[in-house]
Amino acid sequence: MKNEVCQNELIDMIIDLQERGFDHDFVINHEYICCLQYNAMISPEDFDILETHACVNNQHVCGDYILYGIRLKNHDIKGILLSSHKSYNNDLSFPLWQKFENEIVKSTHKLQPFMQRAS
C-alpha cells in the first residue's frame, strides 16, 4: 500500500507540472542533462531549476525521489527531471552534482512530500 501511495504521489506531481507547461523530459547524463525530445545535451550553466519536489518512501521498490522543474535559459523550454538519490552516486560530474545539491540545500525548508503541501 505504501508503494502505491508513493507512485500515486509521483504521478500527481508530474501531472501538476505538465499542466503548468513543463512538457519536456530531461535525464541526467554524466556532465549534462539531456532533453529527450531533442536529444540535446544541456550543461549545468544553461538551465535553471525552478521547482523542487520530494517523494519520500522508505520502501525499497519506490525509494526516495526528487522531481525538478527545469527551464532552459536560452530557449522557451520547460520540463521535468526525476532523480533518485542513487543517481547522484553514479558517474555524475561535479558541476552538475553541485547544481542539484545547491538547489536541495536552498530548498530544504520547502522540500516536503507533495501531498503534505496540498493539505
C-alpha atoms as a PDB file:
ATOM      1  CA  MET A   1       0.000   0.000   0.000  1.00  0.00           C
ATOM      2  CA  LYS A   2       2.793   2.430   0.881  1.00  0.00           C
ATOM      3  CA  ASN A   3       4.465   1.810  -2.501  1.00  0.00           C
ATOM      4  CA  GLU A   4       1.146   2.602  -4.233  1.00  0.00           C
ATOM      5  CA  VAL A   5       0.894   5.904  -2.313  1.00  0.00           C
ATOM      6  CA  CYS A   6       4.391   6.875  -3.454  1.00  0.00           C
ATOM      7  CA  GLN A   7       3.611   6.005  -7.080  1.00  0.00           C
ATOM      8  CA  ASN A   8       0.367   7.999  -6.951  1.00  0.00           C
ATOM      9  CA  GLU A   9       2.205  10.936  -5.396  1.00  0.00           C
ATOM     10  CA  LEU A  10       4.783  10.915  -8.202  1.00  0.00           C
ATOM     11  CA  ILE A  11       2.042  10.736 -10.827  1.00  0.00           C
ATOM     12  CA  ASP A  12       0.217  13.685  -9.211  1.00  0.00           C
ATOM     13  CA  MET A  13       3.413  15.753  -9.119  1.00  0.00           C
ATOM     14  CA  ILE A  14       4.212  15.017 -12.768  1.00  0.00           C
ATOM     15  CA  ILE A  15       0.664  15.803 -13.936  1.00  0.00           C
ATOM     16  CA  ASP A  16       0.692  19.080 -11.995  1.00  0.00           C
ATOM     17  CA  LEU A  17       3.968  20.176 -13.608  1.00  0.00           C
ATOM     18  CA  GLN A  18       2.803  19.115 -17.093  1.00  0.00           C
ATOM     19  CA  GLU A  19      -0.419  21.089 -16.706  1.00  0.00           C
ATOM     20  CA  ARG A  20       1.714  24.144 -15.902  1.00  0.00           C
ATOM     21  CA  GLY A  21       3.804  23.865 -19.076  1.00  0.00           C
ATOM     22  CA  PHE A  22       6.652  21.581 -18.023  1.00  0.00           C
ATOM     23  CA  ASP A  23       6.225  19.450 -21.136  1.00  0.00           C
ATOM     24  CA  HIS A  24       9.739  18.183 -21.898  1.00  0.00           C
ATOM     25  CA  ASP A  25      11.632  15.313 -20.294  1.00  0.00           C
ATOM     26  CA  PHE A  26      15.194  15.505 -19.011  1.00  0.00           C
ATOM     27  CA  VAL A  27      17.573  12.835 -17.744  1.00  0.00           C
ATOM     28  CA  ILE A  28      20.984  13.084 -16.112  1.00  0.00           C
ATOM     29  CA  ASN A  29      23.876  12.137 -18.394  1.00  0.00           C
ATOM     30  CA  HIS A  30      27.223  12.485 -16.529  1.00  0.00           C
ATOM     31  CA  GLU A  31      28.196  16.128 -17.259  1.00  0.00           C
ATOM     32  CA  TYR A  32      24.866  17.249 -18.698  1.00  0.00           C
ATOM     33  CA  ILE A  33      21.155  16.845 -18.578  1.00  0.00           C
ATOM     34  CA  CYS A  34      19.692  15.501 -21.793  1.00  0.00           C
ATOM     35  CA  CYS A  35      16.414  16.726 -23.296  1.00  0.00           C
ATOM     36  CA  LEU A  36      14.840  13.528 -24.606  1.00  0.00           C
ATOM     37  CA  GLN A  37      12.581  15.218 -27.158  1.00  0.00           C
ATOM     38  CA  TYR A  38      15.539  16.872 -28.944  1.00  0.00           C
ATOM     39  CA  ASN A  39      18.343  14.515 -27.879  1.00  0.00           C
ATOM     40  CA  ALA A  40      20.196  17.662 -26.799  1.00  0.00           C
ATOM     41  CA  MET A  41      22.817  17.830 -24.063  1.00  0.00           C
ATOM     42  CA  ILE A  42      22.473  20.834 -21.741  1.00  0.00           C
ATOM     43  CA  SER A  43      25.302  21.951 -19.479  1.00  0.00           C
ATOM     44  CA  PRO A  44      24.639  22.990 -15.852  1.00  0.00           C
ATOM     45  CA  GLU A  45      25.073  26.683 -16.631  1.00  0.00           C
ATOM     46  CA  ASP A  46      22.415  26.544 -19.379  1.00  0.00           C
ATOM     47  CA  PHE A  47      19.414  25.641 -17.225  1.00  0.00           C
ATOM     48  CA  ASP A  48      17.648  26.809 -14.079  1.00  0.00           C
ATOM     49  CA  ILE A  49      15.843  24.711 -11.515  1.00  0.00           C
ATOM     50  CA  LEU A  50      12.503  26.428 -10.939  1.00  0.00           C
ATOM     51  CA  GLU A  51      10.890  23.874  -8.619  1.00  0.00           C
ATOM     52  CA  THR A  52      11.957  21.004  -6.404  1.00  0.00           C
ATOM     53  CA  HIS A  53       9.540  18.368  -5.064  1.00  0.00           C
ATOM     54  CA  ALA A  54      10.262  15.306  -2.932  1.00  0.00           C
ATOM     55  CA  CYS A  55       8.645  11.898  -2.886  1.00  0.00           C
ATOM     56  CA  VAL A  56       9.938  10.133   0.192  1.00  0.00           C
ATOM     57  CA  ASN A  57       9.225   6.469   0.864  1.00  0.00           C
ATOM     58  CA  ASN A  58      11.299   4.035   2.888  1.00  0.00           C
ATOM     59  CA  GLN A  59      10.185   1.065   0.818  1.00  0.00           C
ATOM     60  CA  HIS A  60      12.918  -0.373  -1.383  1.00  0.00           C
ATOM     61  CA  VAL A  61      10.796  -0.539  -4.556  1.00  0.00           C
ATOM     62  CA  CYS A  62       9.924   3.152  -4.728  1.00  0.00           C
ATOM     63  CA  GLY A  63      12.721   4.754  -2.733  1.00  0.00           C
ATOM     64  CA  ASP A  64      13.283   8.477  -2.422  1.00  0.00           C
ATOM     65  CA  TYR A  65      12.889  10.651  -5.495  1.00  0.00           C
ATOM     66  CA  ILE A  66      13.299  14.311  -6.242  1.00  0.00           C
ATOM     67  CA  LEU A  67      11.329  15.855  -9.083  1.00  0.00           C
ATOM     68  CA  TYR A  68      12.758  19.016 -10.612  1.00  0.00           C
ATOM     69  CA  GLY A  69      11.007  21.624 -12.732  1.00  0.00           C
ATOM     70  CA  ILE A  70      13.690  22.702 -15.239  1.00  0.00           C
ATOM     71  CA  ARG A  71      13.825  25.723 -17.557  1.00  0.00           C
ATOM     72  CA  LEU A  72      16.420  26.205 -20.271  1.00  0.00           C
ATOM     73  CA  LYS A  73      17.971  29.672 -20.103  1.00  0.00           C
ATOM     74  CA  ASN A  74      18.296  30.364 -23.847  1.00  0.00           C
ATOM     75  CA  HIS A  75      15.097  28.686 -25.033  1.00  0.00           C
ATOM     76  CA  ASP A  76      11.444  28.770 -24.083  1.00  0.00           C
ATOM     77  CA  ILE A  77      11.562  25.161 -22.896  1.00  0.00           C
ATOM     78  CA  LYS A  78      10.448  23.829 -19.535  1.00  0.00           C
ATOM     79  CA  GLY A  79      10.452  20.232 -18.457  1.00  0.00           C
ATOM     80  CA  ILE A  80      10.749  17.612 -15.767  1.00  0.00           C
ATOM     81  CA  LEU A  81      13.727  15.732 -14.401  1.00  0.00           C
ATOM     82  CA  LEU A  82      13.032  12.873 -11.998  1.00  0.00           C
ATOM     83  CA  SER A  83      16.018  11.719  -9.993  1.00  0.00           C
ATOM     84  CA  SER A  84      16.628   9.161  -7.291  1.00  0.00           C
ATOM     85  CA  HIS A  85      19.282   9.664  -4.665  1.00  0.00           C
ATOM     86  CA  LYS A  86      21.169   6.752  -6.253  1.00  0.00           C
ATOM     87  CA  SER A  87      21.713   8.739  -9.452  1.00  0.00           C
ATOM     88  CA  TYR A  88      23.928  11.192  -7.579  1.00  0.00           C
ATOM     89  CA  ASN A  89      26.396   8.389  -6.891  1.00  0.00           C
ATOM     90  CA  ASN A  90      26.605   7.114 -10.463  1.00  0.00           C
ATOM     91  CA  ASP A  91      29.126   8.906 -12.650  1.00  0.00           C
ATOM     92  CA  LEU A  92      27.774  12.430 -12.097  1.00  0.00           C
ATOM     93  CA  SER A  93      30.140  15.300 -12.845  1.00  0.00           C
ATOM     94  CA  PHE A  94      30.960  17.672 -10.018  1.00  0.00           C
ATOM     95  CA  PRO A  95      29.441  20.807 -11.682  1.00  0.00           C
ATOM     96  CA  LEU A  96      26.143  19.016 -12.297  1.00  0.00           C
ATOM     97  CA  TRP A  97      26.119  17.465  -8.819  1.00  0.00           C
ATOM     98  CA  GLN A  98      26.839  20.893  -7.324  1.00  0.00           C
ATOM     99  CA  LYS A  99      23.932  22.478  -9.221  1.00  0.00           C
ATOM    100  CA  PHE A 100      21.443  19.938  -7.863  1.00  0.00           C
ATOM    101  CA  GLU A 101      22.989  19.911  -4.388  1.00  0.00           C
ATOM    102  CA  ASN A 102      22.810  23.719  -4.124  1.00  0.00           C
ATOM    103  CA  GLU A 103      19.131  23.602  -5.052  1.00  0.00           C
ATOM    104  CA  ILE A 104      18.414  20.917  -2.466  1.00  0.00           C
ATOM    105  CA  VAL A 105      20.198  22.897   0.263  1.00  0.00           C
ATOM    106  CA  LYS A 106      18.450  26.116  -0.789  1.00  0.00           C
ATOM    107  CA  SER A 107      15.054  24.412  -0.820  1.00  0.00           C
ATOM    108  CA  THR A 108      15.404  22.237   2.272  1.00  0.00           C
ATOM    109  CA  HIS A 109      12.693  24.061   4.182  1.00  0.00           C
ATOM    110  CA  LYS A 110      10.345  23.771   1.182  1.00  0.00           C
ATOM    111  CA  LEU A 111      11.337  20.221   0.267  1.00  0.00           C
ATOM    112  CA  GLN A 112       8.488  18.133   1.581  1.00  0.00           C
ATOM    113  CA  PRO A 113       6.243  15.474   0.159  1.00  0.00           C
ATOM    114  CA  PHE A 114       3.794  16.850  -2.411  1.00  0.00           C
ATOM    115  CA  MET A 115       0.687  15.504  -0.720  1.00  0.00           C
ATOM    116  CA  GLN A 116       1.542  17.216   2.594  1.00  0.00           C
ATOM    117  CA  ARG A 117       1.770  20.584   0.808  1.00  0.00           C
ATOM    118  CA  ALA A 118      -1.642  20.122  -0.771  1.00  0.00           C
ATOM    119  CA  SER A 119      -3.396  19.613   2.571  1.00  0.00           C
END
